[in-house]
Protein backbone atom coordinates (compact mmCIF):
# COMPACT_ATOMS: atom_id res chain seq x y z
CA MET A 1 1.72 -98.00 80.21
CA ASN A 2 4.57 -100.09 78.80
CA CYS A 3 7.71 -101.91 79.99
CA ALA A 4 8.77 -103.50 83.19
CA LEU A 5 11.41 -101.33 85.03
CA PRO A 6 14.44 -103.26 83.75
CA GLU A 7 13.21 -102.88 80.16
CA ALA A 8 12.50 -99.15 80.77
CA LEU A 9 16.02 -98.59 82.16
CA VAL A 10 17.72 -100.19 79.18
CA LEU A 11 15.43 -98.22 76.79
CA ALA A 12 16.12 -94.91 78.48
CA GLY A 13 19.82 -95.65 78.67
CA ARG A 14 20.23 -96.37 75.05
CA ILE A 15 18.24 -93.29 74.08
CA SER A 16 20.18 -91.09 76.43
CA LYS A 17 23.54 -92.34 75.14
CA SER A 18 22.54 -91.85 71.47
CA VAL A 19 20.86 -88.47 71.55
CA GLU A 20 23.78 -86.77 73.27
CA GLY A 21 25.59 -86.15 70.06
CA ILE A 22 22.66 -85.29 67.94
CA LYS A 23 22.28 -81.53 67.30
CA HIS A 24 19.30 -79.38 66.60
CA LEU A 25 17.24 -81.64 68.72
CA GLU A 26 15.35 -81.64 72.02
CA VAL A 27 14.23 -84.98 73.39
CA VAL A 28 11.60 -85.38 76.14
CA LEU A 29 11.14 -88.78 77.85
CA CYS A 30 7.81 -89.34 79.47
CA PRO A 31 7.99 -92.73 81.29
CA PRO A 32 5.32 -94.06 83.70
CA SER A 33 5.42 -91.94 86.77
CA VAL A 34 6.51 -94.77 88.99
CA TYR A 35 9.69 -95.16 86.97
CA ILE A 36 10.72 -91.48 86.70
CA TYR A 37 12.99 -91.40 89.79
CA SER A 38 14.57 -94.73 88.94
CA ILE A 39 15.37 -93.71 85.37
CA PHE A 40 16.56 -90.28 86.34
CA ASP A 41 18.98 -91.84 88.92
CA TYR A 42 20.05 -94.58 86.39
CA LEU A 43 20.98 -91.98 83.73
CA LYS A 44 23.22 -90.09 86.20
CA ALA A 45 24.51 -87.10 84.13
CA LYS A 46 21.95 -86.86 81.23
CA PRO A 47 22.62 -85.02 78.02
CA LEU A 48 21.83 -81.34 77.99
CA ASN A 49 19.29 -81.89 75.17
CA LEU A 50 17.38 -84.61 77.06
CA PHE A 51 14.46 -83.71 79.41
CA PHE A 52 11.90 -85.58 81.42
CA GLY A 53 8.11 -85.26 81.35
CA ILE A 54 5.22 -86.88 83.16
CA GLN A 55 2.23 -88.35 81.33
CA ASN A 56 -0.51 -86.72 83.42
CA THR A 57 -1.12 -84.79 86.66
CA MET A 58 -3.84 -84.00 89.23
CA TRP A 59 -4.63 -80.26 89.35
CA GLU A 60 -4.02 -80.07 93.06
CA GLU A 61 -0.81 -79.96 95.14
CA GLU A 62 -1.87 -82.79 97.42
CA GLY A 63 -5.01 -84.18 99.13
CA GLU A 64 -7.53 -86.92 99.10
CA TYR A 65 -7.00 -88.00 95.47
CA THR A 66 -6.09 -91.67 95.71
CA GLY A 67 -4.23 -92.99 92.70
CA GLU A 68 -3.44 -89.54 91.35
CA THR A 69 -0.01 -87.86 90.95
CA SER A 70 0.88 -84.25 91.63
CA LEU A 71 3.43 -82.37 89.62
CA LEU A 72 5.12 -81.39 92.90
CA PHE A 73 6.20 -84.98 93.31
CA VAL A 74 8.43 -84.65 90.26
CA LYS A 75 9.41 -80.93 90.51
CA GLY A 76 13.10 -80.60 89.82
CA ILE A 77 13.18 -83.76 87.67
CA CYS A 78 10.39 -83.27 85.10
CA ARG A 79 10.11 -80.23 82.93
CA TYR A 80 7.12 -81.21 80.79
CA VAL A 81 3.72 -82.75 81.40
CA ILE A 82 1.36 -84.27 78.73
CA LEU A 83 -2.18 -83.05 79.17
CA GLY A 84 -5.45 -84.03 77.45
CA HIS A 85 -4.05 -86.93 75.53
CA SER A 86 -6.77 -88.68 73.42
CA GLU A 87 -6.53 -91.78 75.60
CA ARG A 88 -7.23 -89.63 78.69
CA ARG A 89 -10.22 -87.97 76.96
CA HIS A 90 -11.69 -91.09 75.48
CA LYS A 91 -10.88 -93.88 77.96
CA PHE A 92 -11.20 -91.88 81.11
CA SER A 93 -13.83 -89.21 80.01
CA GLU A 94 -11.43 -86.33 80.77
CA THR A 95 -13.20 -83.09 79.94
CA ASP A 96 -11.85 -79.84 78.44
CA GLN A 97 -12.52 -78.22 81.87
CA GLU A 98 -10.29 -80.78 83.69
CA VAL A 99 -7.57 -80.34 81.08
CA ASN A 100 -7.75 -76.56 81.65
CA LYS A 101 -7.39 -76.92 85.44
CA LYS A 102 -4.22 -79.13 84.85
CA VAL A 103 -2.84 -76.61 82.33
CA VAL A 104 -3.21 -73.68 84.80
CA PHE A 105 -1.77 -75.76 87.64
CA ALA A 106 1.22 -76.84 85.43
CA LEU A 107 2.02 -73.24 84.38
CA LYS A 108 1.70 -72.10 88.04
CA TYR A 109 4.57 -74.34 88.98
CA ASN A 110 6.72 -73.64 85.86
CA PHE A 111 6.10 -76.90 84.09
CA LEU A 112 5.69 -76.83 80.28
CA PRO A 113 2.24 -78.39 79.32
CA ILE A 114 2.02 -80.39 76.11
CA ILE A 115 -1.70 -79.95 75.35
CA CYS A 116 -3.13 -82.69 73.11
CA VAL A 117 -5.97 -81.93 70.72
CA GLY A 118 -7.38 -83.92 67.82
CA GLU A 119 -10.42 -85.11 65.71
CA GLU A 120 -11.94 -88.53 65.70
CA GLU A 121 -12.87 -88.42 61.93
CA ARG A 122 -10.66 -87.07 59.20
CA PHE A 123 -11.34 -83.50 58.03
CA HIS A 124 -12.05 -83.05 54.26
CA LEU A 125 -10.11 -79.82 53.79
CA GLU A 126 -9.60 -80.28 50.07
CA ASP A 127 -13.34 -80.06 49.37
CA HIS A 128 -14.86 -78.16 52.27
CA PHE A 129 -12.02 -75.91 53.81
CA LYS A 130 -14.22 -73.17 55.25
CA THR A 131 -16.84 -75.48 56.72
CA GLU A 132 -14.36 -77.81 58.18
CA VAL A 133 -12.49 -74.93 59.89
CA GLU A 134 -15.85 -73.82 61.34
CA ARG A 135 -16.36 -77.39 62.63
CA MET A 136 -13.00 -77.03 64.40
CA LYS A 137 -14.30 -74.08 66.26
CA ARG A 138 -17.48 -75.86 67.49
CA GLN A 139 -17.75 -77.60 70.87
CA GLY A 140 -15.43 -80.56 70.92
CA GLY A 141 -13.43 -79.39 67.80
CA ILE A 142 -9.75 -78.85 67.83
CA ILE A 143 -9.84 -75.06 68.12
CA SER A 144 -12.53 -75.32 70.76
CA GLN A 145 -10.29 -77.75 72.71
CA ILE A 146 -7.36 -75.30 72.49
CA ASP A 147 -9.52 -72.25 73.59
CA ASN A 148 -10.87 -74.24 76.54
CA ALA A 149 -7.38 -75.45 77.55
CA LEU A 150 -6.01 -71.96 77.59
CA LEU A 151 -8.80 -70.33 79.68
CA GLY A 152 -7.09 -68.22 82.35
CA VAL A 153 -3.70 -68.54 80.83
CA SER A 154 -1.97 -65.20 80.58
CA VAL A 155 -0.34 -63.99 77.39
CA GLY A 156 3.03 -64.11 79.11
CA GLU A 157 2.63 -67.82 79.90
CA LEU A 158 1.79 -68.85 76.30
CA LYS A 159 5.53 -69.08 75.44
CA ASN A 160 5.70 -72.13 77.71
CA VAL A 161 2.69 -73.88 76.04
CA VAL A 162 3.19 -76.72 73.54
CA ILE A 163 0.24 -77.88 71.47
CA ALA A 164 0.28 -81.50 70.15
CA TYR A 165 -2.01 -82.23 67.21
CA GLU A 166 -2.94 -85.86 67.12
CA PRO A 167 -5.70 -87.05 64.89
CA VAL A 168 -7.41 -89.82 66.91
CA TRP A 169 -8.17 -91.91 63.79
CA ALA A 170 -4.42 -92.15 63.12
CA ILE A 171 -3.12 -93.04 66.56
CA GLY A 172 -1.81 -96.54 66.85
CA THR A 173 -3.74 -97.64 63.61
CA GLY A 174 -0.81 -97.45 61.19
CA ASN A 175 -3.14 -95.20 59.14
CA GLU A 176 -1.05 -92.03 59.58
CA ALA A 177 -2.00 -88.66 58.23
CA THR A 178 -0.09 -87.52 55.20
CA GLY A 179 2.50 -84.77 55.73
CA ALA A 180 0.34 -82.40 53.74
CA TYR A 181 -2.81 -83.15 55.82
CA ALA A 182 -0.98 -82.85 59.16
CA ALA A 183 0.76 -79.63 57.95
CA SER A 184 -2.59 -78.09 56.97
CA ILE A 185 -4.13 -78.75 60.36
CA CYS A 186 -1.02 -77.45 62.21
CA TYR A 187 -1.09 -74.35 59.85
CA ILE A 188 -4.70 -73.73 60.85
CA ILE A 189 -3.82 -73.94 64.49
CA LYS A 190 -0.86 -71.60 64.13
CA SER A 191 -2.95 -69.11 62.10
CA TYR A 192 -5.67 -69.14 64.69
CA LEU A 193 -3.29 -68.59 67.53
CA ALA A 194 -1.71 -65.64 65.62
CA GLU A 195 -5.08 -64.18 64.96
CA LYS A 196 -6.07 -64.44 68.61
CA TYR A 197 -2.81 -63.51 70.29
CA GLY A 198 -0.68 -61.81 67.69
CA GLU A 199 2.11 -63.27 65.52
CA ASP A 200 4.85 -62.46 68.02
CA ILE A 201 3.12 -64.45 70.78
CA ALA A 202 1.96 -67.32 68.49
CA LYS A 203 5.47 -67.97 66.98
CA ASP A 204 6.72 -69.04 70.48
CA ILE A 205 3.98 -71.75 70.76
CA LYS A 206 5.43 -75.01 69.38
CA ILE A 207 3.11 -77.31 67.45
CA LEU A 208 3.85 -81.06 67.44
CA TYR A 209 2.26 -83.81 65.35
CA GLY A 210 1.52 -87.26 66.78
CA GLY A 211 -0.15 -90.24 65.16
CA SER A 212 1.57 -93.35 63.98
CA THR A 213 4.89 -91.54 63.53
CA ASN A 214 7.94 -93.73 62.68
CA SER A 215 11.36 -93.49 61.00
CA ARG A 216 9.75 -93.93 57.58
CA ASN A 217 7.43 -90.84 57.81
CA THR A 218 9.52 -88.63 60.12
CA LYS A 219 11.15 -86.65 57.29
CA GLU A 220 7.84 -86.03 55.55
CA TYR A 221 6.33 -84.43 58.72
CA MET A 222 9.49 -82.51 59.72
CA LEU A 223 9.81 -80.86 56.28
CA GLN A 224 6.49 -79.13 56.91
CA PRO A 225 7.03 -75.54 58.09
CA SER A 226 3.96 -75.60 60.31
CA ILE A 227 5.24 -78.72 62.27
CA ASP A 228 7.87 -78.08 64.90
CA GLY A 229 8.31 -81.56 66.36
CA LEU A 230 6.67 -85.01 66.94
CA LEU A 231 4.78 -86.57 69.83
CA VAL A 232 6.03 -90.19 69.46
CA GLY A 233 3.94 -93.12 70.71
CA GLY A 234 4.75 -96.84 69.90
CA SER A 235 7.92 -96.06 67.96
CA SER A 236 9.45 -94.66 71.19
CA LEU A 237 9.43 -98.20 72.63
CA LYS A 238 12.05 -99.33 70.15
CA ALA A 239 15.36 -97.66 70.82
CA ALA A 240 16.83 -98.12 67.34
CA GLU A 241 13.61 -96.82 65.71
CA PHE A 242 13.34 -93.81 67.92
CA ILE A 243 16.99 -92.88 67.59
CA LYS A 244 16.77 -93.13 63.82
CA MET A 245 13.86 -90.66 63.96
CA CYS A 246 15.93 -88.32 66.12
CA GLN A 247 18.71 -88.43 63.55
CA THR A 248 16.26 -87.59 60.75
CA ILE A 249 14.85 -84.65 62.58
CA SER A 250 18.43 -83.37 63.24
CA GLU A 251 19.18 -83.66 59.55
CA VAL A 252 15.98 -81.72 58.56
CA LYS A 253 16.57 -79.03 61.16
CA SER A 254 20.16 -78.56 59.95
CA GLY A 255 19.14 -78.53 56.29
CA ARG A 256 21.03 -81.69 55.35
CA ALA A 257 17.88 -83.61 54.50
CA ILE A 258 16.49 -81.20 52.03
């Protein structure tokens, strides 16, 4: 919930103009829902690698849900929807069951859900790997959140699902997870999905990392094989910073940064 509309238009315009020539990169802008039509119209012919997403949705097409937004309101403009973000879970008491209903609804109408999962306290994988993985599977744990979010989702729909790992203790704190730590969690998630659905299915599910990401640590995260991309928060509000992150990701993906 940031930026007045004039600021949002300038920010989106700068990002759109800059990412057009950046290869090996897909950028998704998720502005506040009341700005989506204005920004979409303002950008006119947007780059082929730039897409729109919405930050949340109701799980119904329409009805008596004052203050909520249906995905059908942005169909044809937005391709993605962020679901289960830690702020939704902790500030608005959103449950796994509600997230699941939104995931099923999004896939029904051909949106790509970005499902956010994460822990409130840092895992100690270096000392207690097996017990910490078991903790992830318990109620409220990362793997439990994924399982609950994907209830009723067919195997064929899984290729349209994105998982965003965001450690709650790192979001907006400046206390980002190390590349090795983030990669370990993402690897555990990938391995679990492969075990449950098979490697051929799991490889199509993209895993993002989010949590105090910036131009300084982008390369560290993107060099990790288990991390496919980033879910960017505060750094996306600064055009120069965000564009620099995009350039770094492109360099890593092309092999120029290694």
